C-alpha atoms as a PDB file:
ATOM      1  CA  MET A   1      -6.802 -28.955 -63.307  1.00  0.00           C
ATOM      2  CA  PHE A   2      -3.242 -30.135 -63.026  1.00  0.00           C
ATOM      3  CA  ALA A   3      -2.023 -26.504 -62.773  1.00  0.00           C
ATOM      4  CA  GLY A   4      -4.430 -25.865 -59.849  1.00  0.00           C
ATOM      5  CA  ARG A   5      -3.057 -28.844 -57.924  1.00  0.00           C
ATOM      6  CA  LEU A   6       0.507 -27.768 -58.560  1.00  0.00           C
ATOM      7  CA  GLU A   7      -0.251 -24.294 -57.270  1.00  0.00           C
ATOM      8  CA  ALA A   8      -1.893 -25.730 -54.100  1.00  0.00           C
ATOM      9  CA  VAL A   9       1.156 -27.910 -53.450  1.00  0.00           C
ATOM     10  CA  ARG A  10       3.485 -24.926 -53.894  1.00  0.00           C
ATOM     11  CA  PHE A  11       1.340 -22.862 -51.494  1.00  0.00           C
ATOM     12  CA  ARG A  12       1.476 -25.621 -48.857  1.00  0.00           C
ATOM     13  CA  ALA A  13       5.224 -26.008 -49.305  1.00  0.00           C
ATOM     14  CA  THR A  14       5.686 -22.250 -48.924  1.00  0.00           C
ATOM     15  CA  ILE A  15       3.699 -22.285 -45.671  1.00  0.00           C
ATOM     16  CA  VAL A  16       5.793 -25.195 -44.345  1.00  0.00           C
ATOM     17  CA  VAL A  17       9.064 -23.456 -45.265  1.00  0.00           C
ATOM     18  CA  VAL A  18       7.980 -20.120 -43.690  1.00  0.00           C
ATOM     19  CA  THR A  19       6.828 -21.929 -40.535  1.00  0.00           C
ATOM     20  CA  ALA A  20      10.132 -23.828 -40.348  1.00  0.00           C
ATOM     21  CA  LEU A  21      12.087 -20.554 -40.732  1.00  0.00           C
ATOM     22  CA  VAL A  22      10.069 -18.892 -37.957  1.00  0.00           C
ATOM     23  CA  ILE A  23      10.602 -21.851 -35.622  1.00  0.00           C
ATOM     24  CA  ALA A  24      14.333 -21.955 -36.427  1.00  0.00           C
ATOM     25  CA  THR A  25      14.673 -18.197 -35.820  1.00  0.00           C
ATOM     26  CA  VAL A  26      12.907 -18.413 -32.467  1.00  0.00           C
ATOM     27  CA  TRP A  27      14.954 -21.455 -31.452  1.00  0.00           C
ATOM     28  CA  LEU A  28      18.266 -19.848 -32.429  1.00  0.00           C
ATOM     29  CA  SER A  29      17.413 -16.594 -30.662  1.00  0.00           C
ATOM     30  CA  PHE A  30      16.551 -18.622 -27.563  1.00  0.00           C
ATOM     31  CA  LEU A  31      19.852 -20.506 -27.733  1.00  0.00           C
ATOM     32  CA  LEU A  32      21.949 -17.425 -28.445  1.00  0.00           C
ATOM     33  CA  SER A  33      20.282 -15.069 -25.950  1.00  0.00           C
ATOM     34  CA  PRO A  34      21.904 -14.857 -22.540  1.00  0.00           C
ATOM     35  CA  VAL A  35      20.112 -16.530 -19.693  1.00  0.00           C
ATOM     36  CA  VAL A  36      18.477 -14.010 -17.382  1.00  0.00           C
ATOM     37  CA  ARG A  37      18.378 -15.615 -13.928  1.00  0.00           C
ATOM     38  CA  ASP A  38      17.941 -12.595 -11.681  1.00  0.00           C
ATOM     39  CA  PHE A  39      17.871  -8.798 -11.436  1.00  0.00           C
ATOM     40  CA  GLU A  40      21.615  -8.416 -11.899  1.00  0.00           C
ATOM     41  CA  ASP A  41      21.662 -10.434 -15.153  1.00  0.00           C
ATOM     42  CA  CYS A  42      18.599  -8.580 -16.428  1.00  0.00           C
ATOM     43  CA  ALA A  43      20.041  -5.145 -15.585  1.00  0.00           C
ATOM     44  CA  HIS A  44      23.419  -6.042 -17.137  1.00  0.00           C
ATOM     45  CA  LEU A  45      21.702  -7.086 -20.352  1.00  0.00           C
ATOM     46  CA  ALA A  46      19.595  -3.902 -20.359  1.00  0.00           C
ATOM     47  CA  ARG A  47      22.733  -1.777 -19.974  1.00  0.00           C
ATOM     48  CA  LYS A  48      24.435  -3.546 -22.889  1.00  0.00           C
ATOM     49  CA  MET A  49      21.512  -3.560 -25.312  1.00  0.00           C
ATOM     50  CA  SER A  50      19.804  -0.195 -24.882  1.00  0.00           C
ATOM     51  CA  LEU A  51      20.494   3.493 -24.390  1.00  0.00           C
ATOM     52  CA  GLY A  52      18.903   6.449 -22.584  1.00  0.00           C
ATOM     53  CA  THR A  53      15.312   6.277 -21.457  1.00  0.00           C
ATOM     54  CA  GLU A  54      14.844   2.819 -22.970  1.00  0.00           C
ATOM     55  CA  ARG A  55      17.691   1.565 -20.748  1.00  0.00           C
ATOM     56  CA  ALA A  56      16.066   3.061 -17.657  1.00  0.00           C
ATOM     57  CA  ALA A  57      12.701   1.553 -18.591  1.00  0.00           C
ATOM     58  CA  ARG A  58      14.261  -1.882 -19.075  1.00  0.00           C
ATOM     59  CA  ILE A  59      16.069  -1.704 -15.735  1.00  0.00           C
ATOM     60  CA  LEU A  60      12.793  -0.711 -14.031  1.00  0.00           C
ATOM     61  CA  ASP A  61      11.187  -3.715 -15.721  1.00  0.00           C
ATOM     62  CA  CYS A  62      13.962  -5.894 -14.296  1.00  0.00           C
ATOM     63  CA  GLY A  63      13.157  -4.528 -10.853  1.00  0.00           C
ATOM     64  CA  ALA A  64       9.500  -5.417 -11.316  1.00  0.00           C
ATOM     65  CA  ARG A  65      10.337  -8.964 -12.457  1.00  0.00           C
ATOM     66  CA  PHE A  66      12.870  -9.741  -9.709  1.00  0.00           C
ATOM     67  CA  ALA A  67      12.265  -8.643  -6.104  1.00  0.00           C
ATOM     68  CA  GLY A  68      15.478 -10.102  -4.655  1.00  0.00           C
ATOM     69  CA  ARG A  69      19.020  -8.910  -5.161  1.00  0.00           C
ATOM     70  CA  ARG A  70      22.090 -11.125  -5.395  1.00  0.00           C
ATOM     71  CA  LYS A  71      24.269 -11.152  -2.261  1.00  0.00           C
ATOM     72  CA  VAL A  72      28.056 -11.047  -2.425  1.00  0.00           C
ATOM     73  CA  GLY A  73      28.567 -14.346  -0.616  1.00  0.00           C
ATOM     74  CA  GLY A  74      25.809 -16.106  -2.561  1.00  0.00           C
ATOM     75  CA  GLY A  75      22.059 -16.308  -2.165  1.00  0.00           C
ATOM     76  CA  TYR A  76      19.560 -13.499  -2.417  1.00  0.00           C
ATOM     77  CA  ALA A  77      18.235 -10.743  -0.184  1.00  0.00           C
ATOM     78  CA  TYR A  78      14.844  -9.032  -0.293  1.00  0.00           C
ATOM     79  CA  TYR A  79      14.765  -5.445   1.001  1.00  0.00           C
ATOM     80  CA  ASP A  80      11.523  -4.348   2.659  1.00  0.00           C
ATOM     81  CA  LEU A  81      11.299  -0.570   2.399  1.00  0.00           C
ATOM     82  CA  TRP A  82       8.577  -0.277   5.063  1.00  0.00           C
ATOM     83  CA  GLN A  83      10.653  -2.027   7.727  1.00  0.00           C
ATOM     84  CA  ASN A  84      13.991  -0.683   6.468  1.00  0.00           C
ATOM     85  CA  ARG A  85      15.568  -4.135   6.637  1.00  0.00           C
ATOM     86  CA  SER A  86      16.546  -7.061   4.418  1.00  0.00           C
ATOM     87  CA  PHE A  87      15.444 -10.691   4.480  1.00  0.00           C
ATOM     88  CA  ASP A  88      17.394 -13.672   3.155  1.00  0.00           C
ATOM     89  CA  ILE A  89      15.472 -15.516   0.438  1.00  0.00           C
ATOM     90  CA  ALA A  90      16.232 -18.657  -1.559  1.00  0.00           C
ATOM     91  CA  GLY A  91      15.877 -17.294  -5.088  1.00  0.00           C
ATOM     92  CA  PRO A  92      15.508 -14.059  -7.046  1.00  0.00           C
ATOM     93  CA  ASN A  93      11.861 -13.806  -5.909  1.00  0.00           C
ATOM     94  CA  PRO A  94      10.463 -14.733  -2.481  1.00  0.00           C
ATOM     95  CA  THR A  95       8.527 -17.980  -2.257  1.00  0.00           C
ATOM     96  CA  ALA A  96       5.052 -18.113  -0.704  1.00  0.00           C
ATOM     97  CA  ASP A  97       6.525 -19.203   2.645  1.00  0.00           C
ATOM     98  CA  GLU A  98       9.085 -16.385   2.531  1.00  0.00           C
ATOM     99  CA  ARG A  99       6.378 -13.828   1.710  1.00  0.00           C
ATOM    100  CA  THR A 100       4.351 -15.112   4.678  1.00  0.00           C
ATOM    101  CA  ARG A 101       7.379 -14.774   6.973  1.00  0.00           C
ATOM    102  CA  ILE A 102       8.116 -11.236   5.700  1.00  0.00           C
ATOM    103  CA  TYR A 103       4.459 -10.263   6.175  1.00  0.00           C
ATOM    104  CA  SER A 104       4.374 -11.617   9.746  1.00  0.00           C
ATOM    105  CA  GLU A 105       7.597  -9.710  10.530  1.00  0.00           C
ATOM    106  CA  HIS A 106       5.961  -6.584   9.095  1.00  0.00           C
ATOM    107  CA  ILE A 107       2.915  -7.058  11.359  1.00  0.00           C
ATOM    108  CA  ARG A 108       5.249  -7.487  14.350  1.00  0.00           C
ATOM    109  CA  PHE A 109       7.146  -4.348  13.293  1.00  0.00           C
ATOM    110  CA  LEU A 110       3.917  -2.320  13.099  1.00  0.00           C
ATOM    111  CA  ALA A 111       2.842  -3.562  16.537  1.00  0.00           C
ATOM    112  CA  SER A 112       6.156  -2.454  18.047  1.00  0.00           C
ATOM    113  CA  GLN A 113       5.809   0.933  16.336  1.00  0.00           C
ATOM    114  CA  ARG A 114       2.314   1.338  17.820  1.00  0.00           C
ATOM    115  CA  ARG A 115       3.643   0.348  21.255  1.00  0.00           C
ATOM    116  CA  GLU A 116       6.479   2.860  21.037  1.00  0.00           C
ATOM    117  CA  THR A 117       4.076   5.597  19.931  1.00  0.00           C
ATOM    118  CA  ALA A 118       1.672   4.809  22.768  1.00  0.00           C
ATOM    119  CA  LEU A 119       4.532   4.859  25.294  1.00  0.00           C
ATOM    120  CA  ALA A 120       5.791   8.168  23.931  1.00  0.00           C
ATOM    121  CA  GLU A 121       2.286   9.643  24.151  1.00  0.00           C
ATOM    122  CA  ALA A 122       1.898   8.306  27.690  1.00  0.00           C
ATOM    123  CA  ASP A 123       5.257   9.817  28.644  1.00  0.00           C
ATOM    124  CA  GLY A 124       4.111  13.117  27.139  1.00  0.00           C
ATOM    125  CA  LEU A 125       0.864  13.002  29.140  1.00  0.00           C
ATOM    126  CA  VAL A 126       2.758  12.255  32.342  1.00  0.00           C
ATOM    127  CA  ALA A 127       5.122  15.152  31.634  1.00  0.00           C
ATOM    128  CA  GLU A 128       2.161  17.475  30.946  1.00  0.00           C
ATOM    129  CA  GLN A 129       0.475  16.318  34.137  1.00  0.00           C
ATOM    130  CA  ARG A 130       3.646  16.955  36.150  1.00  0.00           C
ATOM    131  CA  GLN A 131       3.978  20.377  34.566  1.00  0.00           C
ATOM    132  CA  ALA A 132       0.336  21.173  35.386  1.00  0.00           C
ATOM    133  CA  GLU A 133       0.846  20.043  38.991  1.00  0.00           C
ATOM    134  CA  THR A 134       3.959  22.212  39.242  1.00  0.00           C
ATOM    135  CA  SER A 135       2.140  25.248  37.877  1.00  0.00           C
ATOM    136  CA  ILE A 136      -0.758  24.648  40.282  1.00  0.00           C
ATOM    137  CA  ASP A 137       1.714  24.534  43.162  1.00  0.00           C
ATOM    138  CA  LEU A 138       3.127  27.898  42.110  1.00  0.00           C
ATOM    139  CA  ARG A 139      -0.338  29.467  42.121  1.00  0.00           C
ATOM    140  CA  ARG A 140      -1.232  28.250  45.605  1.00  0.00           C
ATOM    141  CA  PRO A 141      -0.945  30.924  48.244  1.00  0.00           C
ATOM    142  CA  THR A 142       1.906  30.555  50.618  1.00  0.00           C
ATOM    143  CA  THR A 143       1.368  30.470  54.370  1.00  0.00           C
ATOM    144  CA  LYS A 144       2.383  34.111  54.569  1.00  0.00           C
ATOM    145  CA  PRO A 145       0.424  36.195  52.001  1.00  0.00           C
ATOM    146  CA  SER A 146       2.520  38.811  50.342  1.00  0.00           C
ATOM    147  CA  LYS A 147       1.390  41.454  47.885  1.00  0.00           C
ATOM    148  CA  LEU A 148       4.822  42.943  47.546  1.00  0.00           C
ATOM    149  CA  ASN A 149       6.172  40.407  45.010  1.00  0.00           C
ATOM    150  CA  PRO A 150       3.398  38.773  42.936  1.00  0.00           C
ATOM    151  CA  CYS A 151       5.901  37.856  40.185  1.00  0.00           C
ATOM    152  CA  MET A 152       8.374  35.061  40.675  1.00  0.00           C
ATOM    153  CA  ILE A 153      10.385  35.846  37.546  1.00  0.00           C
ATOM    154  CA  LYS A 154      10.707  39.459  36.487  1.00  0.00           C
ATOM    155  CA  GLY A 155      10.046  40.122  32.813  1.00  0.00           C
ATOM    156  CA  SER A 156       8.099  36.884  32.332  1.00  0.00           C
ATOM    157  CA  LEU A 157       4.758  36.884  30.589  1.00  0.00           C
ATOM    158  CA  SER A 158       2.905  36.025  33.791  1.00  0.00           C
ATOM    159  CA  CYS A 159       4.566  38.917  35.622  1.00  0.00           C
ATOM    160  CA  THR A 160       3.793  41.354  32.816  1.00  0.00           C
ATOM    161  CA  TRP A 161       0.197  40.139  32.656  1.00  0.00           C
ATOM    162  CA  THR A 162      -0.212  40.522  36.405  1.00  0.00           C
ATOM    163  CA  LYS A 163       1.089  44.088  36.269  1.00  0.00           C
ATOM    164  CA  PHE A 164      -1.138  44.916  33.274  1.00  0.00           C
ATOM    165  CA  ARG A 165      -4.232  43.466  34.939  1.00  0.00           C
ATOM    166  CA  SER A 166      -3.488  45.362  38.105  1.00  0.00           C
ATOM    167  CA  ALA A 167      -2.995  48.641  36.239  1.00  0.00           C
ATOM    168  CA  VAL A 168      -6.233  48.242  34.281  1.00  0.00           C
ATOM    169  CA  GLY A 169      -8.140  47.367  37.455  1.00  0.00           C
ATOM    170  CA  ASN A 170      -6.735  50.387  39.256  1.00  0.00           C
ATOM    171  CA  ALA A 171      -7.574  52.681  36.343  1.00  0.00           C
ATOM    172  CA  PHE A 172     -11.217  51.629  36.305  1.00  0.00           C
ATOM    173  CA  ALA A 173     -11.484  51.778  40.087  1.00  0.00           C
ATOM    174  CA  ALA A 174     -10.071  55.303  40.249  1.00  0.00           C
ATOM    175  CA  SER A 175     -12.108  56.840  37.448  1.00  0.00           C
ATOM    176  CA  PRO A 176     -15.321  58.586  38.488  1.00  0.00           C
ATOM    177  CA  ARG A 177     -18.515  57.029  37.298  1.00  0.00           C
ATOM    178  CA  PRO A 178     -20.740  59.216  35.217  1.00  0.00           C
ATOM    179  CA  GLU A 179     -24.052  59.935  36.843  1.00  0.00           C
ATOM    180  CA  ALA A 180     -27.191  58.887  35.131  1.00  0.00           C
ATOM    181  CA  PRO A 181     -29.078  61.805  33.565  1.00  0.00           C
ATOM    182  CA  THR A 182     -32.168  62.761  35.412  1.00  0.00           C
ATOM    183  CA  ASN A 183     -35.369  63.637  33.718  1.00  0.00           C
ATOM    184  CA  SER A 184     -36.457  66.910  35.181  1.00  0.00           C
ATOM    185  CA  ARG A 185     -39.610  68.474  33.945  1.00  0.00           C
END
């Protein structure tokens, strides 16, 4: 019975020692590891500690963890790809208020894009309407009808079409019509 108790005490002591070693290892690794405050620190550490595709994967992970980038003069900037512009933010990631401000700027940006598109389409419609009015004016008969020059611009498609239509019409008008066969019995 005494041997059983001794073995139980040794087992408990082993568990305590292993647990203490694990805690000490974690604590020392925490103290000795560099502090990663933002994307730049994270990417620098990834470049130092890994190679090849693992390095690229770690840097991509840094980009996912930290949205902002450190500015030269201090502070952070968040780049919004959709608006193609940067926003000043307080830390390495935008706060809730900063995200709200960026989102409202994005909505304003989209509204201006829609306005510009609508204006461009309206300008295009006005230009098409003017062009249609101009072409209608060219088709109107003048006060003095003239069959000598139906084409305004020689070699243009409209001139060629007019000549072709006229030639086809003349060919059918000049050809004799076949007479219908008569039934004679």
